[in-house]
C-alpha cells in the first residue's frame, strides 16, 4: 500500500557529511509525520529525527542535535536527512518510516510503514 525507499548511504570519513533521501509512493504523503531511525549491529533500533506533515515542527535525538537536519518536500514526496560532522558512532543502517495517524510521540512503535534501510558507515 505504501512504499518507502531510502538512498544516499555510503562510506564517509569522520567529520564528513551525507544526505539521505526517502522517497514515498502514494498521494497521502503530506498528511503524515515522518521519521528517521537507525540500528547498529547488536543494538535496538533508535529514534534519530522526525518532522511533522507541514515540515514546521521537527525533533531530534540528543545525540544528533546540531549535526543532523530533517526536512521534507511534499511536492516531491520525499524526506531528507542532512548529516554533518559525522562520527564513527553514527555508523548504522538508517531507516525512514511513516507515523500512524494521530501520533504525538514519534517512536519505533508509532510507525506503520518502514523502508528497507540504507547503510551509513563512518570511518575514523
Protein backbone atom coordinates (compact mmCIF):
# COMPACT_ATOMS: atom_id res chain seq x y z
CA UNK A 1 0.00 0.00 0.00
CA UNK A 2 2.82 2.39 0.93
CA UNK A 3 6.38 2.13 -0.33
CA UNK A 4 9.34 3.94 1.22
CA UNK A 5 12.76 3.80 -0.41
CA UNK A 6 15.87 5.22 1.25
CA UNK A 7 19.00 6.26 -0.61
CA UNK A 8 22.21 8.20 -0.03
CA UNK A 9 24.04 5.94 2.38
CA UNK A 10 27.67 5.02 1.98
CA UNK A 11 31.15 5.23 3.44
CA UNK A 12 32.39 8.56 4.76
CA UNK A 13 35.28 9.71 6.93
CA UNK A 14 34.69 11.14 10.38
CA UNK A 15 33.79 14.81 10.12
CA UNK A 16 32.24 14.36 6.70
CA UNK A 17 28.66 14.72 5.52
CA UNK A 18 25.95 12.66 3.86
CA UNK A 19 22.43 13.44 2.73
CA UNK A 20 19.87 10.67 2.96
CA UNK A 21 16.65 10.68 0.97
CA UNK A 22 13.41 8.78 1.46
CA UNK A 23 11.04 8.63 -1.48
CA UNK A 24 7.43 7.72 -0.71
CA UNK A 25 4.76 6.38 -3.01
CA UNK A 26 1.10 7.33 -2.96
CA UNK A 27 -0.74 10.60 -2.75
CA UNK A 28 -1.15 10.90 1.03
CA UNK A 29 2.47 11.64 1.91
CA UNK A 30 1.83 15.20 3.04
CA UNK A 31 -0.74 14.11 5.64
CA UNK A 32 1.70 12.14 7.80
CA UNK A 33 4.55 12.83 10.15
CA UNK A 34 7.75 11.09 9.09
CA UNK A 35 10.79 9.91 10.98
CA UNK A 36 14.33 8.65 10.60
CA UNK A 37 15.64 5.80 12.75
CA UNK A 38 18.88 3.87 12.87
CA UNK A 39 20.08 0.49 14.05
CA UNK A 40 23.64 -0.61 14.68
CA UNK A 41 24.64 -4.30 14.99
CA UNK A 42 23.67 -5.70 18.39
CA UNK A 43 21.66 -2.62 19.33
CA UNK A 44 17.99 -1.70 19.35
CA UNK A 45 16.56 0.48 16.63
CA UNK A 46 16.60 4.08 17.87
CA UNK A 47 14.94 7.35 17.01
CA UNK A 48 17.01 9.90 15.12
CA UNK A 49 14.72 12.67 13.85
CA UNK A 50 11.10 13.44 12.99
CA UNK A 51 9.19 16.05 11.02
CA UNK A 52 5.50 16.96 11.05
CA UNK A 53 3.28 16.87 7.98
CA UNK A 54 3.81 20.58 7.39
CA UNK A 55 7.56 20.48 7.87
CA UNK A 56 7.32 23.20 10.51
CA UNK A 57 7.78 21.00 13.59
CA UNK A 58 10.96 18.97 13.97
CA UNK A 59 12.56 16.91 16.70
CA UNK A 60 15.92 15.21 17.13
CA UNK A 61 17.65 12.71 19.34
CA UNK A 62 20.09 14.39 21.70
CA UNK A 63 22.97 12.52 20.08
CA UNK A 64 22.44 14.24 16.71
CA UNK A 65 21.21 17.72 17.66
CA UNK A 66 23.23 20.41 15.97
CA UNK A 67 24.63 17.96 13.42
CA UNK A 68 21.63 16.47 11.61
CA UNK A 69 18.75 18.27 9.90
CA UNK A 70 15.48 16.68 8.81
CA UNK A 71 13.34 18.23 6.10
CA UNK A 72 10.64 17.29 3.63
CA UNK A 73 9.41 18.28 0.20
CA UNK A 74 5.79 17.24 -0.04
CA UNK A 75 5.60 18.15 -3.73
CA UNK A 76 8.27 15.50 -4.35
CA UNK A 77 7.00 13.02 -1.72
CA UNK A 78 10.49 13.00 -0.24
CA UNK A 79 12.01 13.30 3.24
CA UNK A 80 15.66 14.18 3.75
CA UNK A 81 18.22 13.79 6.48
CA UNK A 82 21.27 16.02 6.16
CA UNK A 83 24.05 14.59 8.33
CA UNK A 84 27.07 16.74 9.10
CA UNK A 85 30.09 16.28 11.36
CA UNK A 86 29.63 12.53 11.23
CA UNK A 87 31.17 10.37 13.93
CA UNK A 88 32.05 6.65 13.95
CA UNK A 89 29.23 6.08 16.44
CA UNK A 90 26.77 7.23 13.76
CA UNK A 91 27.51 4.03 11.83
CA UNK A 92 24.23 2.16 11.38
CA UNK A 93 21.51 1.20 8.96
CA UNK A 94 19.23 4.21 8.62
CA UNK A 95 15.50 3.74 8.07
CA UNK A 96 12.74 6.15 7.19
CA UNK A 97 9.21 5.48 8.38
CA UNK A 98 5.69 6.92 8.37
CA UNK A 99 3.89 7.65 11.62
CA UNK A 100 0.46 6.20 12.35
CA UNK A 101 -2.39 8.71 12.30
CA UNK A 102 -2.75 10.72 15.48
CA UNK A 103 0.76 10.03 16.74
CA UNK A 104 2.03 12.53 19.28
CA UNK A 105 5.42 10.99 20.03
CA UNK A 106 7.35 9.62 17.08
CA UNK A 107 8.98 6.36 18.17
CA UNK A 108 9.58 2.91 16.72
CA UNK A 109 6.23 1.53 17.90
CA UNK A 110 4.34 4.51 16.45
CA UNK A 111 5.33 3.91 12.83
CA UNK A 112 3.22 1.89 10.39
CA UNK A 113 5.40 1.73 7.26
CA UNK A 114 9.15 1.31 7.00
CA UNK A 115 11.73 1.45 4.26
CA UNK A 116 14.35 -1.27 3.90
CA UNK A 117 17.17 0.96 5.11
CA UNK A 118 20.42 2.39 3.81
CA UNK A 119 23.80 1.71 5.39
CA UNK A 120 25.92 4.58 6.68
CA UNK A 121 29.50 3.75 7.66
CA UNK A 122 31.70 6.39 9.26
CA UNK A 123 35.40 5.60 9.42
CA UNK A 124 37.94 7.13 11.80
